[in-house]
Amino acid sequence: MISYSRLWETMRKKGISQYALIHAYGVSPAQIIRMKRNESVSTDTIEMFCRILDCRVEDIMEYIPEKDKP
């Protein structure tokens, strides 16, 4: 599973709110919702967040292995 929990921490550290992402940077609210739900987003979206937040991919997302499925 891909988790975007690091995104919210990075945004907090950089002082950028969801409101700013939407209104100042033109990020679609739907993209923010998808990331809140840990749903898939395009690499273009990841790149956009890295550019806006001036950070690395690891500061936005992480891979979390799922438990072995039966």
Protein backbone atom coordinates (compact mmCIF):
# COMPACT_ATOMS: atom_id res chain seq x y z
CA MET A 1 0.00 0.00 0.00
CA ILE A 2 1.15 3.54 -0.69
CA SER A 3 0.61 5.93 2.19
CA TYR A 4 0.61 9.70 1.79
CA SER A 5 0.78 10.41 5.51
CA ARG A 6 4.20 11.99 5.04
CA LEU A 7 2.63 14.60 2.75
CA TRP A 8 0.61 16.15 5.58
CA GLU A 9 3.68 16.36 7.83
CA THR A 10 5.74 17.94 5.04
CA MET A 11 2.98 20.47 4.35
CA ARG A 12 2.90 21.36 8.05
CA LYS A 13 6.68 21.81 8.18
CA LYS A 14 6.63 23.99 5.03
CA GLY A 15 3.67 26.04 6.25
CA ILE A 16 1.50 25.22 3.23
CA SER A 17 -2.18 24.51 3.83
CA GLN A 18 -4.66 22.58 1.73
CA TYR A 19 -6.36 25.92 1.04
CA ALA A 20 -3.10 27.31 -0.36
CA LEU A 21 -2.57 24.21 -2.51
CA ILE A 22 -5.98 24.68 -4.07
CA HIS A 23 -6.14 28.46 -4.38
CA ALA A 24 -2.52 29.54 -4.80
CA TYR A 25 -1.09 26.54 -6.64
CA GLY A 26 -4.13 25.27 -8.56
CA VAL A 27 -4.16 21.76 -7.09
CA SER A 28 -7.44 19.97 -7.69
CA PRO A 29 -9.40 19.29 -4.49
CA ALA A 30 -10.08 15.82 -5.92
CA GLN A 31 -6.33 15.07 -5.90
CA ILE A 32 -6.09 16.07 -2.25
CA ILE A 33 -9.05 13.84 -1.39
CA ARG A 34 -7.48 10.90 -3.27
CA MET A 35 -4.27 11.35 -1.28
CA LYS A 36 -6.15 11.61 2.02
CA ARG A 37 -7.71 8.24 1.18
CA ASN A 38 -4.33 6.77 0.11
CA GLU A 39 -5.74 6.15 -3.36
CA SER A 40 -3.58 6.09 -6.47
CA VAL A 41 -2.48 9.34 -8.10
CA SER A 42 -0.37 9.93 -11.17
CA THR A 43 3.36 10.53 -11.14
CA ASP A 44 2.56 13.98 -12.55
CA THR A 45 0.66 14.71 -9.34
CA ILE A 46 3.55 13.49 -7.20
CA GLU A 47 5.95 15.64 -9.22
CA MET A 48 3.69 18.67 -8.78
CA PHE A 49 3.65 18.22 -5.00
CA CYS A 50 7.44 17.83 -4.93
CA ARG A 51 7.82 21.04 -6.91
CA ILE A 52 5.35 23.01 -4.77
CA LEU A 53 6.78 21.75 -1.47
CA ASP A 54 10.40 21.71 -2.68
CA CYS A 55 10.86 18.21 -1.35
CA ARG A 56 11.68 14.65 -2.36
CA VAL A 57 9.24 11.86 -3.20
CA GLU A 58 10.04 10.21 0.16
CA ASP A 59 8.73 13.33 1.90
CA ILE A 60 5.31 12.77 0.33
CA MET A 61 4.72 9.05 0.19
CA GLU A 62 5.93 5.70 1.45
CA TYR A 63 5.37 2.07 0.60
CA ILE A 64 3.91 0.00 3.40
CA PRO A 65 3.92 -3.76 2.72
CA GLU A 66 0.59 -5.46 3.27
CA LYS A 67 0.43 -8.44 5.57
CA ASP A 68 0.56 -11.78 3.83
CA LYS A 69 -2.77 -12.47 2.23
CA PRO A 70 -4.30 -15.94 2.75
